[in-house]
Amino acid sequence: MSLRGRNDIDVNNEREAEAARTLQHSHEFNFDSARNERNTRWVVILTAAMMTGEIIGGWVFHSMALMADGFHMGSHTFALGITLLAYWYARRNARNPEFSFGTGKVYDLGGYTSAILLLVVALLMAAGSVERFLNPVEIQFNEAIAVACVGLGVNLASAWILRDRHGHPGEAAEHGHDHAHRDHNIKSAYLHVLADALTSVLAISALLLGKLFGWVWMDPVMGVVGSVVITRWSIGLMKDTSGVLLDKQPDSSLLRQVRERLEADPGTRLADLHVWEVAPGRFALIASIQAASPRPAGEYKQMLADCEVLDHVTIEVNPP
């Protein structure tokens, strides 16, 4: 083959590749992920610093509640590190064509992993508290209370940093646009911070009651109470994230809105409809339409154009 012939083939291949790229659209989802990542990094630094202080303080002053809070914060430092890793990995591979629908589900994978760690911590807290209840030790209340108060201050500062960047525990969106706030990765970070704050409050309460009334048994009891509450939070987060990872259908309001629009014409019905979340607040849709007077697929897509949460829409039109 001549040099000119090879050059013509190379040019044609480049044009075909460029044409293929123009037919594709980006699966890079932002939704404040950079800000969430930055805020989480600051929380990791604060939590790691306080973790060290509380573990040392609990060991020196013989407070199970204080040590539980310290180890709890230590596990959260690790879990928050997973949150940061998820943001980094999703950002690094945002334009990687190997991910058919982008890397949005990495955030839910990070949230699910953090939820499992949260549950493990709760079980360890309960076991340690029961052991301390059966084998009580002398507690240096003044020193332990001081350290626990500092820990609570760090937790509140962390919660402020992550404010308005999370979904509340057990939250379920009722409208399509509400999905934009369901970043389960940052929600997991927020729940870890809430669990830290709760443990600190319970530790301070137990230590005060022990100091004022001699109720030393309140120290392990508060540890058990905290583990129960944290277990409920972790199970709720696992349910939310696992639904996304298993492509569970979104809330009924979005499905109802899609169905009403696509079936607006007489003699038109949806033979098949699949909607699933591909990133926080972003959904993919595949619909099979049977119509007596079929329209072009583009017109059906236009009916859903103002549904901002739908990022990837595929329409198949068939005669009845």
C-alpha atoms as a PDB file:
ATOM      1  CA  MET A   1       0.000   0.000   0.000  1.00  0.00           C
ATOM      2  CA  SER A   2       1.283   3.452  -0.866  1.00  0.00           C
ATOM      3  CA  LEU A   3       2.140   6.075   1.725  1.00  0.00           C
ATOM      4  CA  ARG A   4      -0.724   8.229   0.484  1.00  0.00           C
ATOM      5  CA  GLY A   5      -3.169   5.337   0.902  1.00  0.00           C
ATOM      6  CA  ARG A   6      -2.062   4.752   4.501  1.00  0.00           C
ATOM      7  CA  ASN A   7      -2.402   8.459   5.284  1.00  0.00           C
ATOM      8  CA  ASP A   8      -5.955   8.464   3.893  1.00  0.00           C
ATOM      9  CA  ILE A   9      -6.865   5.515   6.137  1.00  0.00           C
ATOM     10  CA  ASP A  10      -5.361   7.240   9.201  1.00  0.00           C
ATOM     11  CA  VAL A  11      -7.325  10.410   8.472  1.00  0.00           C
ATOM     12  CA  ASN A  12     -10.562   8.440   8.066  1.00  0.00           C
ATOM     13  CA  ASN A  13      -9.954   6.583  11.355  1.00  0.00           C
ATOM     14  CA  GLU A  14      -9.353   9.859  13.168  1.00  0.00           C
ATOM     15  CA  ARG A  15     -12.566  11.315  11.751  1.00  0.00           C
ATOM     16  CA  GLU A  16     -14.550   8.259  12.786  1.00  0.00           C
ATOM     17  CA  ALA A  17     -13.112   8.407  16.303  1.00  0.00           C
ATOM     18  CA  GLU A  18     -13.920  12.115  16.556  1.00  0.00           C
ATOM     19  CA  ALA A  19     -17.460  11.486  15.334  1.00  0.00           C
ATOM     20  CA  ALA A  20     -17.914   8.764  17.953  1.00  0.00           C
ATOM     21  CA  ARG A  21     -16.706  11.127  20.667  1.00  0.00           C
ATOM     22  CA  THR A  22     -19.178  13.822  19.658  1.00  0.00           C
ATOM     23  CA  LEU A  23     -22.054  11.338  19.909  1.00  0.00           C
ATOM     24  CA  GLN A  24     -21.167  10.597  23.526  1.00  0.00           C
ATOM     25  CA  HIS A  25     -21.871  12.850  26.465  1.00  0.00           C
ATOM     26  CA  SER A  26     -19.972  13.280  29.698  1.00  0.00           C
ATOM     27  CA  HIS A  27     -20.700  11.115  32.741  1.00  0.00           C
ATOM     28  CA  GLU A  28     -18.736  13.424  34.991  1.00  0.00           C
ATOM     29  CA  PHE A  29     -20.955  14.342  37.938  1.00  0.00           C
ATOM     30  CA  ASN A  30     -19.982  17.288  40.116  1.00  0.00           C
ATOM     31  CA  PHE A  31     -22.820  18.134  42.580  1.00  0.00           C
ATOM     32  CA  ASP A  32     -20.390  19.893  44.980  1.00  0.00           C
ATOM     33  CA  SER A  33     -18.189  16.766  45.190  1.00  0.00           C
ATOM     34  CA  ALA A  34     -15.041  18.920  45.297  1.00  0.00           C
ATOM     35  CA  ARG A  35     -16.383  20.884  48.253  1.00  0.00           C
ATOM     36  CA  ASN A  36     -17.535  17.699  49.989  1.00  0.00           C
ATOM     37  CA  GLU A  37     -14.085  16.197  49.502  1.00  0.00           C
ATOM     38  CA  ARG A  38     -12.357  19.288  50.889  1.00  0.00           C
ATOM     39  CA  ASN A  39     -14.665  19.480  53.927  1.00  0.00           C
ATOM     40  CA  THR A  40     -14.222  15.785  54.652  1.00  0.00           C
ATOM     41  CA  ARG A  41     -10.435  16.212  54.594  1.00  0.00           C
ATOM     42  CA  TRP A  42     -10.644  18.855  57.326  1.00  0.00           C
ATOM     43  CA  VAL A  43     -12.894  16.624  59.418  1.00  0.00           C
ATOM     44  CA  VAL A  44     -10.409  13.740  59.104  1.00  0.00           C
ATOM     45  CA  ILE A  45      -7.636  15.963  60.470  1.00  0.00           C
ATOM     46  CA  LEU A  46      -9.742  17.125  63.429  1.00  0.00           C
ATOM     47  CA  THR A  47     -11.021  13.650  64.217  1.00  0.00           C
ATOM     48  CA  ALA A  48      -7.564  12.047  64.094  1.00  0.00           C
ATOM     49  CA  ALA A  49      -6.161  14.655  66.479  1.00  0.00           C
ATOM     50  CA  MET A  50      -8.989  14.241  68.976  1.00  0.00           C
ATOM     51  CA  MET A  51      -8.909  10.454  68.683  1.00  0.00           C
ATOM     52  CA  THR A  52      -5.346  10.417  69.989  1.00  0.00           C
ATOM     53  CA  GLY A  53      -6.184  12.656  72.937  1.00  0.00           C
ATOM     54  CA  GLU A  54      -9.274  10.706  74.015  1.00  0.00           C
ATOM     55  CA  ILE A  55      -7.680   7.270  73.830  1.00  0.00           C
ATOM     56  CA  ILE A  56      -4.738   8.437  75.933  1.00  0.00           C
ATOM     57  CA  GLY A  57      -7.079  10.255  78.353  1.00  0.00           C
ATOM     58  CA  GLY A  58      -9.405   7.279  78.730  1.00  0.00           C
ATOM     59  CA  TRP A  59      -6.466   4.961  79.427  1.00  0.00           C
ATOM     60  CA  VAL A  60      -4.890   7.273  82.005  1.00  0.00           C
ATOM     61  CA  PHE A  61      -8.151   8.236  83.755  1.00  0.00           C
ATOM     62  CA  HIS A  62      -9.801   4.774  83.568  1.00  0.00           C
ATOM     63  CA  SER A  63     -12.980   5.878  81.794  1.00  0.00           C
ATOM     64  CA  MET A  64     -14.628   3.269  79.558  1.00  0.00           C
ATOM     65  CA  ALA A  65     -16.973   5.911  78.140  1.00  0.00           C
ATOM     66  CA  LEU A  66     -14.016   8.131  77.265  1.00  0.00           C
ATOM     67  CA  MET A  67     -12.004   5.269  75.769  1.00  0.00           C
ATOM     68  CA  ALA A  68     -15.062   4.133  73.802  1.00  0.00           C
ATOM     69  CA  ASP A  69     -15.382   7.639  72.425  1.00  0.00           C
ATOM     70  CA  GLY A  70     -11.695   7.665  71.483  1.00  0.00           C
ATOM     71  CA  PHE A  71     -11.743   4.291  69.735  1.00  0.00           C
ATOM     72  CA  HIS A  72     -15.012   5.280  68.137  1.00  0.00           C
ATOM     73  CA  MET A  73     -13.368   8.381  66.723  1.00  0.00           C
ATOM     74  CA  GLY A  74     -10.418   6.254  65.605  1.00  0.00           C
ATOM     75  CA  SER A  75     -12.679   3.972  63.602  1.00  0.00           C
ATOM     76  CA  HIS A  76     -14.371   7.036  62.154  1.00  0.00           C
ATOM     77  CA  THR A  77     -11.008   8.439  61.111  1.00  0.00           C
ATOM     78  CA  PHE A  78     -10.502   5.268  59.102  1.00  0.00           C
ATOM     79  CA  ALA A  79     -14.059   5.393  57.745  1.00  0.00           C
ATOM     80  CA  LEU A  80     -13.714   9.050  56.788  1.00  0.00           C
ATOM     81  CA  GLY A  81     -10.518   8.068  55.018  1.00  0.00           C
ATOM     82  CA  ILE A  82     -12.624   5.695  52.923  1.00  0.00           C
ATOM     83  CA  THR A  83     -14.925   8.612  52.129  1.00  0.00           C
ATOM     84  CA  LEU A  84     -11.937  10.633  50.915  1.00  0.00           C
ATOM     85  CA  LEU A  85     -10.692   7.662  48.898  1.00  0.00           C
ATOM     86  CA  ALA A  86     -14.078   7.357  47.192  1.00  0.00           C
ATOM     87  CA  TYR A  87     -14.027  11.030  46.179  1.00  0.00           C
ATOM     88  CA  TRP A  88     -10.461  10.723  44.881  1.00  0.00           C
ATOM     89  CA  TYR A  89     -11.148   7.551  42.891  1.00  0.00           C
ATOM     90  CA  ALA A  90     -14.374   8.898  41.377  1.00  0.00           C
ATOM     91  CA  ARG A  91     -12.681  12.164  40.411  1.00  0.00           C
ATOM     92  CA  ARG A  92      -9.652  10.424  38.914  1.00  0.00           C
ATOM     93  CA  ASN A  93     -11.791   8.070  36.779  1.00  0.00           C
ATOM     94  CA  ALA A  94     -14.615  10.486  35.967  1.00  0.00           C
ATOM     95  CA  ARG A  95     -13.783  10.401  32.240  1.00  0.00           C
ATOM     96  CA  ASN A  96     -12.673   6.787  32.088  1.00  0.00           C
ATOM     97  CA  PRO A  97     -14.680   5.125  29.269  1.00  0.00           C
ATOM     98  CA  GLU A  98     -14.442   1.758  31.056  1.00  0.00           C
ATOM     99  CA  PHE A  99     -17.191   2.978  33.404  1.00  0.00           C
ATOM    100  CA  SER A 100     -20.313   2.864  31.217  1.00  0.00           C
ATOM    101  CA  PHE A 101     -22.335   5.266  33.367  1.00  0.00           C
ATOM    102  CA  GLY A 102     -19.503   7.116  35.066  1.00  0.00           C
ATOM    103  CA  THR A 103     -18.131   6.663  38.585  1.00  0.00           C
ATOM    104  CA  GLY A 104     -21.103   8.067  40.482  1.00  0.00           C
ATOM    105  CA  LYS A 105     -21.795   4.801  42.299  1.00  0.00           C
ATOM    106  CA  VAL A 106     -18.354   4.909  43.879  1.00  0.00           C
ATOM    107  CA  TYR A 107     -19.844   7.369  46.377  1.00  0.00           C
ATOM    108  CA  ASP A 108     -22.503   4.848  47.391  1.00  0.00           C
ATOM    109  CA  LEU A 109     -19.904   2.081  47.605  1.00  0.00           C
ATOM    110  CA  GLY A 110     -17.902   4.278  49.987  1.00  0.00           C
ATOM    111  CA  GLY A 111     -21.026   5.019  52.020  1.00  0.00           C
ATOM    112  CA  TYR A 112     -21.929   1.326  52.239  1.00  0.00           C
ATOM    113  CA  THR A 113     -18.419   0.404  53.400  1.00  0.00           C
ATOM    114  CA  SER A 114     -18.512   3.143  56.032  1.00  0.00           C
ATOM    115  CA  ALA A 115     -21.901   1.908  57.235  1.00  0.00           C
ATOM    116  CA  ILE A 116     -20.465  -1.573  57.823  1.00  0.00           C
ATOM    117  CA  LEU A 117     -17.596  -0.071  59.832  1.00  0.00           C
ATOM    118  CA  LEU A 118     -20.098   1.990  61.827  1.00  0.00           C
ATOM    119  CA  LEU A 119     -21.993  -1.186  62.714  1.00  0.00           C
ATOM    120  CA  VAL A 120     -18.802  -2.993  63.773  1.00  0.00           C
ATOM    121  CA  VAL A 121     -17.858  -0.082  66.031  1.00  0.00           C
ATOM    122  CA  ALA A 122     -21.292  -0.134  67.658  1.00  0.00           C
ATOM    123  CA  LEU A 123     -20.976  -3.846  68.435  1.00  0.00           C
ATOM    124  CA  LEU A 124     -17.476  -3.380  69.877  1.00  0.00           C
ATOM    125  CA  MET A 125     -18.746  -0.502  72.025  1.00  0.00           C
ATOM    126  CA  ALA A 126     -21.547  -2.677  73.397  1.00  0.00           C
ATOM    127  CA  ALA A 127     -19.178  -5.567  74.169  1.00  0.00           C
ATOM    128  CA  GLY A 128     -16.658  -3.292  75.884  1.00  0.00           C
ATOM    129  CA  SER A 129     -19.356  -1.591  77.945  1.00  0.00           C
ATOM    130  CA  VAL A 130     -20.783  -4.910  79.154  1.00  0.00           C
ATOM    131  CA  GLU A 131     -17.295  -6.038  80.168  1.00  0.00           C
ATOM    132  CA  ARG A 132     -16.727  -2.802  82.086  1.00  0.00           C
ATOM    133  CA  PHE A 133     -20.129  -3.165  83.799  1.00  0.00           C
ATOM    134  CA  LEU A 134     -19.113  -6.624  85.073  1.00  0.00           C
ATOM    135  CA  ASN A 135     -15.614  -5.458  86.057  1.00  0.00           C
ATOM    136  CA  PRO A 136     -15.826  -1.778  87.161  1.00  0.00           C
ATOM    137  CA  VAL A 137     -12.691   0.285  87.771  1.00  0.00           C
ATOM    138  CA  GLU A 138     -12.025   3.588  89.529  1.00  0.00           C
ATOM    139  CA  ILE A 139     -12.554   6.627  87.286  1.00  0.00           C
ATOM    140  CA  GLN A 140     -10.790   9.996  87.561  1.00  0.00           C
ATOM    141  CA  PHE A 141     -13.904  12.026  86.775  1.00  0.00           C
ATOM    142  CA  ASN A 142     -12.578  15.583  86.519  1.00  0.00           C
ATOM    143  CA  GLU A 143      -9.876  14.786  83.998  1.00  0.00           C
ATOM    144  CA  ALA A 144     -12.112  12.463  81.985  1.00  0.00           C
ATOM    145  CA  ILE A 145     -14.906  15.063  81.805  1.00  0.00           C
ATOM    146  CA  ALA A 146     -12.479  17.722  80.567  1.00  0.00           C
ATOM    147  CA  VAL A 147     -11.200  15.507  77.760  1.00  0.00           C
ATOM    148  CA  ALA A 148     -14.742  14.448  76.780  1.00  0.00           C
ATOM    149  CA  CYS A 149     -15.844  18.096  76.567  1.00  0.00           C
ATOM    150  CA  VAL A 150     -12.976  18.895  74.223  1.00  0.00           C
ATOM    151  CA  GLY A 151     -14.001  15.886  72.133  1.00  0.00           C
ATOM    152  CA  LEU A 152     -17.563  17.147  71.919  1.00  0.00           C
ATOM    153  CA  GLY A 153     -16.304  20.526  70.741  1.00  0.00           C
ATOM    154  CA  VAL A 154     -14.332  18.860  67.940  1.00  0.00           C
ATOM    155  CA  ASN A 155     -17.398  16.834  66.943  1.00  0.00           C
ATOM    156  CA  LEU A 156     -19.589  19.932  66.778  1.00  0.00           C
ATOM    157  CA  ALA A 157     -16.958  21.722  64.692  1.00  0.00           C
ATOM    158  CA  SER A 158     -16.856  18.754  62.308  1.00  0.00           C
ATOM    159  CA  ALA A 159     -20.641  18.733  62.020  1.00  0.00           C
ATOM    160  CA  TRP A 160     -20.549  22.446  61.177  1.00  0.00           C
ATOM    161  CA  ILE A 161     -17.994  21.816  58.443  1.00  0.00           C
ATOM    162  CA  LEU A 162     -20.233  19.153  56.905  1.00  0.00           C
ATOM    163  CA  ARG A 163     -23.451  21.127  57.397  1.00  0.00           C
ATOM    164  CA  ASP A 164     -26.030  21.071  54.576  1.00  0.00           C
ATOM    165  CA  ARG A 165     -23.873  18.585  52.639  1.00  0.00           C
ATOM    166  CA  HIS A 166     -25.609  15.432  53.745  1.00  0.00           C
ATOM    167  CA  GLY A 167     -28.904  13.563  53.747  1.00  0.00           C
ATOM    168  CA  HIS A 168     -30.542  13.296  57.158  1.00  0.00           C
ATOM    169  CA  PRO A 169     -30.749   9.816  58.730  1.00  0.00           C
ATOM    170  CA  GLY A 170     -33.729   7.994  57.271  1.00  0.00           C
ATOM    171  CA  GLU A 171     -34.414  10.764  54.776  1.00  0.00           C
ATOM    172  CA  ALA A 172     -36.407   9.827  51.661  1.00  0.00           C
ATOM    173  CA  ALA A 173     -36.794  12.370  48.877  1.00  0.00           C
ATOM    174  CA  GLU A 174     -40.356  13.109  47.798  1.00  0.00           C
ATOM    175  CA  HIS A 175     -39.675  15.088  44.628  1.00  0.00           C
ATOM    176  CA  GLY A 176     -37.333  14.544  41.712  1.00  0.00           C
ATOM    177  CA  HIS A 177     -35.139  17.585  42.395  1.00  0.00           C
ATOM    178  CA  ASP A 178     -34.593  16.482  46.003  1.00  0.00           C
ATOM    179  CA  HIS A 179     -32.397  13.649  44.780  1.00  0.00           C
ATOM    180  CA  ALA A 180     -29.623  16.147  44.074  1.00  0.00           C
ATOM    181  CA  HIS A 181     -28.847  16.198  47.822  1.00  0.00           C
ATOM    182  CA  ARG A 182     -28.484  12.438  48.274  1.00  0.00           C
ATOM    183  CA  ASP A 183     -24.714  12.027  48.294  1.00  0.00           C
ATOM    184  CA  HIS A 184     -24.488   8.910  50.467  1.00  0.00           C
ATOM    185  CA  ASN A 185     -20.723   9.245  50.695  1.00  0.00           C
ATOM    186  CA  ILE A 186     -20.902  12.590  52.507  1.00  0.00           C
ATOM    187  CA  LYS A 187     -23.961  11.337  54.404  1.00  0.00           C
ATOM    188  CA  SER A 188     -21.842   8.513  55.796  1.00  0.00           C
ATOM    189  CA  ALA A 189     -19.217  11.047  56.897  1.00  0.00           C
ATOM    190  CA  TYR A 190     -21.905  13.134  58.572  1.00  0.00           C
ATOM    191  CA  LEU A 191     -23.336  10.094  60.374  1.00  0.00           C
ATOM    192  CA  HIS A 192     -19.881   9.208  61.682  1.00  0.00           C
ATOM    193  CA  VAL A 193     -19.551  12.742  63.044  1.00  0.00           C
ATOM    194  CA  LEU A 194     -23.026  12.533  64.595  1.00  0.00           C
ATOM    195  CA  ALA A 195     -22.125   9.219  66.203  1.00  0.00           C
ATOM    196  CA  ASP A 196     -18.982  10.822  67.640  1.00  0.00           C
ATOM    197  CA  ALA A 197     -21.008  13.712  69.041  1.00  0.00           C
ATOM    198  CA  LEU A 198     -23.585  11.356  70.552  1.00  0.00           C
ATOM    199  CA  THR A 199     -20.889   9.239  72.187  1.00  0.00           C
ATOM    200  CA  SER A 200     -19.274  12.368  73.629  1.00  0.00           C
ATOM    201  CA  VAL A 201     -22.583  13.584  75.087  1.00  0.00           C
ATOM    202  CA  LEU A 202     -23.276  10.180  76.615  1.00  0.00           C
ATOM    203  CA  ALA A 203     -19.755   9.998  78.030  1.00  0.00           C
ATOM    204  CA  ILE A 204     -20.056  13.440  79.634  1.00  0.00           C
ATOM    205  CA  SER A 205     -23.478  12.580  81.086  1.00  0.00           C
ATOM    206  CA  ALA A 206     -22.220   9.287  82.519  1.00  0.00           C
ATOM    207  CA  LEU A 207     -19.134  10.903  84.027  1.00  0.00           C
ATOM    208  CA  LEU A 208     -21.157  13.728  85.625  1.00  0.00           C
ATOM    209  CA  LEU A 209     -23.662  11.293  87.136  1.00  0.00           C
ATOM    210  CA  GLY A 210     -20.815   9.146  88.412  1.00  0.00           C
ATOM    211  CA  LYS A 211     -19.073  12.109  89.985  1.00  0.00           C
ATOM    212  CA  LEU A 212     -22.173  13.708  91.567  1.00  0.00           C
ATOM    213  CA  PHE A 213     -24.103  10.629  92.698  1.00  0.00           C
ATOM    214  CA  GLY A 214     -21.554   7.831  92.639  1.00  0.00           C
ATOM    215  CA  TRP A 215     -23.380   6.054  89.802  1.00  0.00           C
ATOM    216  CA  VAL A 216     -20.289   4.485  88.307  1.00  0.00           C
ATOM    217  CA  TRP A 217     -22.482   1.949  86.498  1.00  0.00           C
ATOM    218  CA  MET A 218     -23.818   4.755  84.286  1.00  0.00           C
ATOM    219  CA  ASP A 219     -20.496   4.812  82.393  1.00  0.00           C
ATOM    220  CA  PRO A 220     -20.962   1.380  80.736  1.00  0.00           C
ATOM    221  CA  VAL A 221     -24.747   1.828  80.465  1.00  0.00           C
ATOM    222  CA  MET A 222     -24.278   4.945  78.347  1.00  0.00           C
ATOM    223  CA  GLY A 223     -21.878   2.978  76.160  1.00  0.00           C
ATOM    224  CA  VAL A 224     -24.627   0.411  75.465  1.00  0.00           C
ATOM    225  CA  VAL A 225     -27.206   3.137  74.749  1.00  0.00           C
ATOM    226  CA  GLY A 226     -24.841   4.781  72.270  1.00  0.00           C
ATOM    227  CA  SER A 227     -24.169   1.489  70.511  1.00  0.00           C
ATOM    228  CA  VAL A 228     -27.899   0.889  70.004  1.00  0.00           C
ATOM    229  CA  VAL A 229     -28.458   4.321  68.455  1.00  0.00           C
ATOM    230  CA  ILE A 230     -25.411   4.020  66.199  1.00  0.00           C
ATOM    231  CA  THR A 231     -26.532   0.546  65.083  1.00  0.00           C
ATOM    232  CA  ARG A 232     -29.827   2.003  63.882  1.00  0.00           C
ATOM    233  CA  TRP A 233     -28.032   4.735  61.922  1.00  0.00           C
ATOM    234  CA  SER A 234     -25.661   2.259  60.286  1.00  0.00           C
ATOM    235  CA  ILE A 235     -28.491  -0.073  59.237  1.00  0.00           C
ATOM    236  CA  GLY A 236     -30.405   2.861  57.723  1.00  0.00           C
ATOM    237  CA  LEU A 237     -27.352   3.953  55.734  1.00  0.00           C
ATOM    238  CA  MET A 238     -26.746   0.379  54.540  1.00  0.00           C
ATOM    239  CA  LYS A 239     -30.326   0.184  53.263  1.00  0.00           C
ATOM    240  CA  ASP A 240     -30.010   3.484  51.373  1.00  0.00           C
ATOM    241  CA  THR A 241     -26.679   2.696  49.734  1.00  0.00           C
ATOM    242  CA  SER A 242     -27.421  -0.946  48.935  1.00  0.00           C
ATOM    243  CA  GLY A 243     -30.572   0.146  47.094  1.00  0.00           C
ATOM    244  CA  VAL A 244     -28.473   2.301  44.783  1.00  0.00           C
ATOM    245  CA  LEU A 245     -25.793  -0.369  44.291  1.00  0.00           C
ATOM    246  CA  LEU A 246     -28.472  -2.933  43.356  1.00  0.00           C
ATOM    247  CA  ASP A 247     -30.220  -0.525  40.929  1.00  0.00           C
ATOM    248  CA  LYS A 248     -33.375  -0.229  43.010  1.00  0.00           C
ATOM    249  CA  GLN A 249     -36.148   1.870  41.459  1.00  0.00           C
ATOM    250  CA  PRO A 250     -36.271   5.467  42.792  1.00  0.00           C
ATOM    251  CA  ASP A 251     -39.200   6.942  44.677  1.00  0.00           C
ATOM    252  CA  SER A 252     -42.652   6.619  43.125  1.00  0.00           C
ATOM    253  CA  SER A 253     -43.043  10.362  42.427  1.00  0.00           C
ATOM    254  CA  LEU A 254     -40.323  10.333  39.767  1.00  0.00           C
ATOM    255  CA  LEU A 255     -41.696   7.167  38.133  1.00  0.00           C
ATOM    256  CA  ARG A 256     -45.192   8.617  38.150  1.00  0.00           C
ATOM    257  CA  GLN A 257     -43.972  11.833  36.531  1.00  0.00           C
ATOM    258  CA  VAL A 258     -42.169   9.905  33.765  1.00  0.00           C
ATOM    259  CA  ARG A 259     -45.155   7.637  33.107  1.00  0.00           C
ATOM    260  CA  GLU A 260     -47.640  10.522  32.923  1.00  0.00           C
ATOM    261  CA  ARG A 261     -45.548  12.382  30.362  1.00  0.00           C
ATOM    262  CA  LEU A 262     -44.702   9.452  28.098  1.00  0.00           C
ATOM    263  CA  GLU A 263     -48.284   8.134  28.106  1.00  0.00           C
ATOM    264  CA  ALA A 264     -49.872  11.537  27.465  1.00  0.00           C
ATOM    265  CA  ASP A 265     -50.942  10.661  23.898  1.00  0.00           C
ATOM    266  CA  PRO A 266     -54.101   8.510  23.461  1.00  0.00           C
ATOM    267  CA  GLY A 267     -53.284   4.923  22.581  1.00  0.00           C
ATOM    268  CA  THR A 268     -49.768   5.190  24.032  1.00  0.00           C
ATOM    269  CA  ARG A 269     -48.510   3.086  26.912  1.00  0.00           C
ATOM    270  CA  LEU A 270     -45.223   2.131  28.500  1.00  0.00           C
ATOM    271  CA  ALA A 271     -44.489  -1.530  27.858  1.00  0.00           C
ATOM    272  CA  ASP A 272     -41.294  -1.411  29.936  1.00  0.00           C
ATOM    273  CA  LEU A 273     -39.658   1.180  32.171  1.00  0.00           C
ATOM    274  CA  HIS A 274     -36.338   1.060  34.016  1.00  0.00           C
ATOM    275  CA  VAL A 275     -35.022   3.970  36.092  1.00  0.00           C
ATOM    276  CA  TRP A 276     -31.958   3.683  38.328  1.00  0.00           C
ATOM    277  CA  GLU A 277     -29.503   5.991  40.068  1.00  0.00           C
ATOM    278  CA  VAL A 278     -26.060   6.318  38.471  1.00  0.00           C
ATOM    279  CA  ALA A 279     -24.738   9.117  40.722  1.00  0.00           C
ATOM    280  CA  PRO A 280     -26.097  11.185  43.608  1.00  0.00           C
ATOM    281  CA  GLY A 281     -29.176  12.892  42.208  1.00  0.00           C
ATOM    282  CA  ARG A 282     -28.596  11.595  38.653  1.00  0.00           C
ATOM    283  CA  PHE A 283     -30.646   8.827  37.028  1.00  0.00           C
ATOM    284  CA  ALA A 284     -30.578   6.729  33.872  1.00  0.00           C
ATOM    285  CA  LEU A 285     -33.790   5.721  32.105  1.00  0.00           C
ATOM    286  CA  ILE A 286     -34.678   3.049  29.544  1.00  0.00           C
ATOM    287  CA  ALA A 287     -38.284   2.999  28.276  1.00  0.00           C
ATOM    288  CA  SER A 288     -40.096   0.864  25.723  1.00  0.00           C
ATOM    289  CA  ILE A 289     -43.166   2.651  24.304  1.00  0.00           C
ATOM    290  CA  GLN A 290     -46.061   1.154  22.361  1.00  0.00           C
ATOM    291  CA  ALA A 291     -48.085   3.764  20.479  1.00  0.00           C
ATOM    292  CA  ALA A 292     -50.974   3.642  18.012  1.00  0.00           C
ATOM    293  CA  SER A 293     -49.490   6.727  16.345  1.00  0.00           C
ATOM    294  CA  PRO A 294     -45.795   6.506  17.168  1.00  0.00           C
ATOM    295  CA  ARG A 295     -43.689   9.656  17.398  1.00  0.00           C
ATOM    296  CA  PRO A 296     -39.952   9.806  16.746  1.00  0.00           C
ATOM    297  CA  ALA A 297     -37.928   8.768  19.801  1.00  0.00           C
ATOM    298  CA  GLY A 298     -36.496  12.279  20.026  1.00  0.00           C
ATOM    299  CA  GLU A 299     -39.945  13.758  20.686  1.00  0.00           C
ATOM    300  CA  TYR A 300     -40.495  11.412  23.624  1.00  0.00           C
ATOM    301  CA  LYS A 301     -37.091  12.416  24.993  1.00  0.00           C
ATOM    302  CA  GLN A 302     -38.126  16.048  24.670  1.00  0.00           C
ATOM    303  CA  MET A 303     -41.122  15.345  26.917  1.00  0.00           C
ATOM    304  CA  LEU A 304     -38.626  14.563  29.700  1.00  0.00           C
ATOM    305  CA  ALA A 305     -36.193  17.395  28.892  1.00  0.00           C
ATOM    306  CA  ASP A 306     -37.044  19.444  31.980  1.00  0.00           C
ATOM    307  CA  CYS A 307     -36.536  16.474  34.341  1.00  0.00           C
ATOM    308  CA  GLU A 308     -33.064  17.591  35.395  1.00  0.00           C
ATOM    309  CA  VAL A 309     -32.384  14.442  37.417  1.00  0.00           C
ATOM    310  CA  LEU A 310     -32.526  12.279  34.264  1.00  0.00           C
ATOM    311  CA  ASP A 311     -29.043  12.198  32.826  1.00  0.00           C
ATOM    312  CA  HIS A 312     -29.089   9.216  30.455  1.00  0.00           C
ATOM    313  CA  VAL A 313     -32.389   8.565  28.581  1.00  0.00           C
ATOM    314  CA  THR A 314     -32.929   5.744  26.084  1.00  0.00           C
ATOM    315  CA  ILE A 315     -36.301   5.447  24.303  1.00  0.00           C
ATOM    316  CA  GLU A 316     -37.522   2.521  22.192  1.00  0.00           C
ATOM    317  CA  VAL A 317     -40.731   3.063  20.161  1.00  0.00           C
ATOM    318  CA  ASN A 318     -42.822   0.137  18.855  1.00  0.00           C
ATOM    319  CA  PRO A 319     -46.237  -0.215  17.199  1.00  0.00           C
ATOM    320  CA  PRO A 320     -48.961  -1.750  19.384  1.00  0.00           C
END
